[in-house]
Amino acid sequence: MTLDKESDGVTAQETAETSLNRSRNVRRKLADADDKSKEELAYAFLVVAAKELTTNKDTNALFGQLVAAQLRKLTPRNQAIARNRIQNILFKLEMEQMDAGSK
């Protein structure tokens, strides 16, 4: 499954960017609000976060987005190294799973 594949006309990247923009907006408002308003805005932020977590049930896709964001911070060479290491870990786990299944 690719993360940029469209689902209901919205890509996973667009969904992640929308969520990030919402949280940034809430954080900006928190910086300007008084204590009582901060509590109300914090609650609103938690409601938005909870909604995002319940609507995006594929945790593997979310984890993939997190890894992609972390990879973007690396140099191209280190991106290639990280991708290779991740693939090697996944390959080893698949082989172990297959070996365990054949016993």
Protein backbone atom coordinates (compact mmCIF):
# COMPACT_ATOMS: atom_id res chain seq x y z
CA MET A 1 0.00 0.00 0.00
CA THR A 2 1.38 3.41 -0.89
CA LEU A 3 0.77 6.42 1.27
CA ASP A 4 0.03 8.74 -1.62
CA LYS A 5 -2.71 6.50 -3.03
CA GLU A 6 -6.03 8.29 -2.95
CA SER A 7 -8.79 7.15 -0.64
CA ASP A 8 -12.12 8.92 -1.01
CA GLY A 9 -10.38 11.68 -3.01
CA VAL A 10 -7.99 12.63 -0.18
CA THR A 11 -4.42 11.41 0.01
CA ALA A 12 -2.81 10.31 3.27
CA GLN A 13 -0.35 13.16 2.92
CA GLU A 14 -3.17 15.71 2.61
CA THR A 15 -4.83 14.22 5.69
CA ALA A 16 -1.58 14.41 7.65
CA GLU A 17 -0.97 18.00 6.51
CA THR A 18 -4.52 18.98 7.50
CA SER A 19 -4.04 17.45 10.94
CA LEU A 20 -0.71 19.19 11.36
CA ASN A 21 -2.20 22.54 10.34
CA ARG A 22 -5.05 22.07 12.82
CA SER A 23 -2.64 21.35 15.66
CA ARG A 24 -0.46 24.33 14.71
CA ASN A 25 -3.50 26.60 14.73
CA VAL A 26 -4.53 25.34 18.17
CA ARG A 27 -0.98 25.85 19.49
CA ARG A 28 -0.90 29.42 18.15
CA LYS A 29 -4.19 30.16 19.87
CA LEU A 30 -2.88 28.65 23.11
CA ALA A 31 0.06 31.04 23.10
CA ASP A 32 -2.30 34.03 23.03
CA ALA A 33 -5.01 32.85 25.41
CA ASP A 34 -5.48 33.35 29.12
CA ASP A 35 -5.47 30.36 31.53
CA LYS A 36 -9.18 29.54 31.29
CA SER A 37 -9.12 29.82 27.53
CA LYS A 38 -6.00 27.65 27.46
CA GLU A 39 -7.90 24.87 29.19
CA GLU A 40 -10.76 25.15 26.72
CA LEU A 41 -8.40 25.19 23.75
CA ALA A 42 -6.41 22.26 25.14
CA TYR A 43 -9.63 20.29 25.43
CA ALA A 44 -10.53 21.23 21.85
CA PHE A 45 -7.10 20.09 20.70
CA LEU A 46 -7.57 16.73 22.45
CA VAL A 47 -10.95 16.30 20.80
CA VAL A 48 -9.41 16.93 17.37
CA ALA A 49 -6.52 14.56 18.12
CA ALA A 50 -8.89 11.83 19.33
CA LYS A 51 -11.01 12.23 16.20
CA GLU A 52 -7.93 11.90 14.00
CA LEU A 53 -6.83 8.76 15.83
CA THR A 54 -10.23 7.11 15.52
CA THR A 55 -10.78 7.98 11.86
CA ASN A 56 -7.31 6.86 10.73
CA LYS A 57 -7.37 3.28 11.99
CA ASP A 58 -4.41 2.02 9.95
CA THR A 59 -1.59 2.55 12.42
CA ASN A 60 0.93 1.17 9.93
CA ALA A 61 0.11 3.99 7.50
CA LEU A 62 0.50 6.56 10.28
CA PHE A 63 3.80 5.02 11.32
CA GLY A 64 4.91 5.13 7.69
CA GLN A 65 4.12 8.84 7.58
CA LEU A 66 6.18 9.38 10.73
CA VAL A 67 9.13 7.47 9.29
CA ALA A 68 8.84 9.43 6.02
CA ALA A 69 8.93 12.73 7.92
CA GLN A 70 12.02 11.60 9.81
CA LEU A 71 13.72 10.44 6.60
CA ARG A 72 13.14 13.85 5.01
CA LYS A 73 15.31 15.41 7.73
CA LEU A 74 18.30 13.27 6.71
CA THR A 75 20.82 13.81 3.95
CA PRO A 76 20.15 11.83 0.75
CA ARG A 77 22.96 9.40 1.64
CA ASN A 78 21.62 8.82 5.15
CA GLN A 79 18.10 8.42 3.73
CA ALA A 80 19.36 5.58 1.54
CA ILE A 81 21.17 3.96 4.47
CA ALA A 82 18.10 4.24 6.72
CA ARG A 83 15.79 2.79 4.04
CA ASN A 84 18.19 -0.11 3.54
CA ARG A 85 18.41 -0.85 7.26
CA ILE A 86 14.64 -0.69 7.68
CA GLN A 87 14.16 -3.05 4.73
CA ASN A 88 16.76 -5.46 6.15
CA ILE A 89 14.99 -5.54 9.52
CA LEU A 90 11.64 -6.24 7.86
CA PHE A 91 13.18 -8.94 5.65
CA LYS A 92 14.77 -10.70 8.64
CA LEU A 93 11.47 -10.65 10.52
CA GLU A 94 9.63 -12.08 7.52
CA MET A 95 12.20 -14.89 7.22
CA GLU A 96 11.96 -15.66 10.94
CA GLN A 97 8.19 -15.79 10.64
CA MET A 98 8.43 -18.16 7.67
CA ASP A 99 10.95 -20.39 9.48
CA ALA A 100 8.72 -20.54 12.56
CA GLY A 101 5.75 -21.48 10.35
CA SER A 102 7.60 -24.40 8.76
CA LYS A 103 8.47 -26.11 12.09
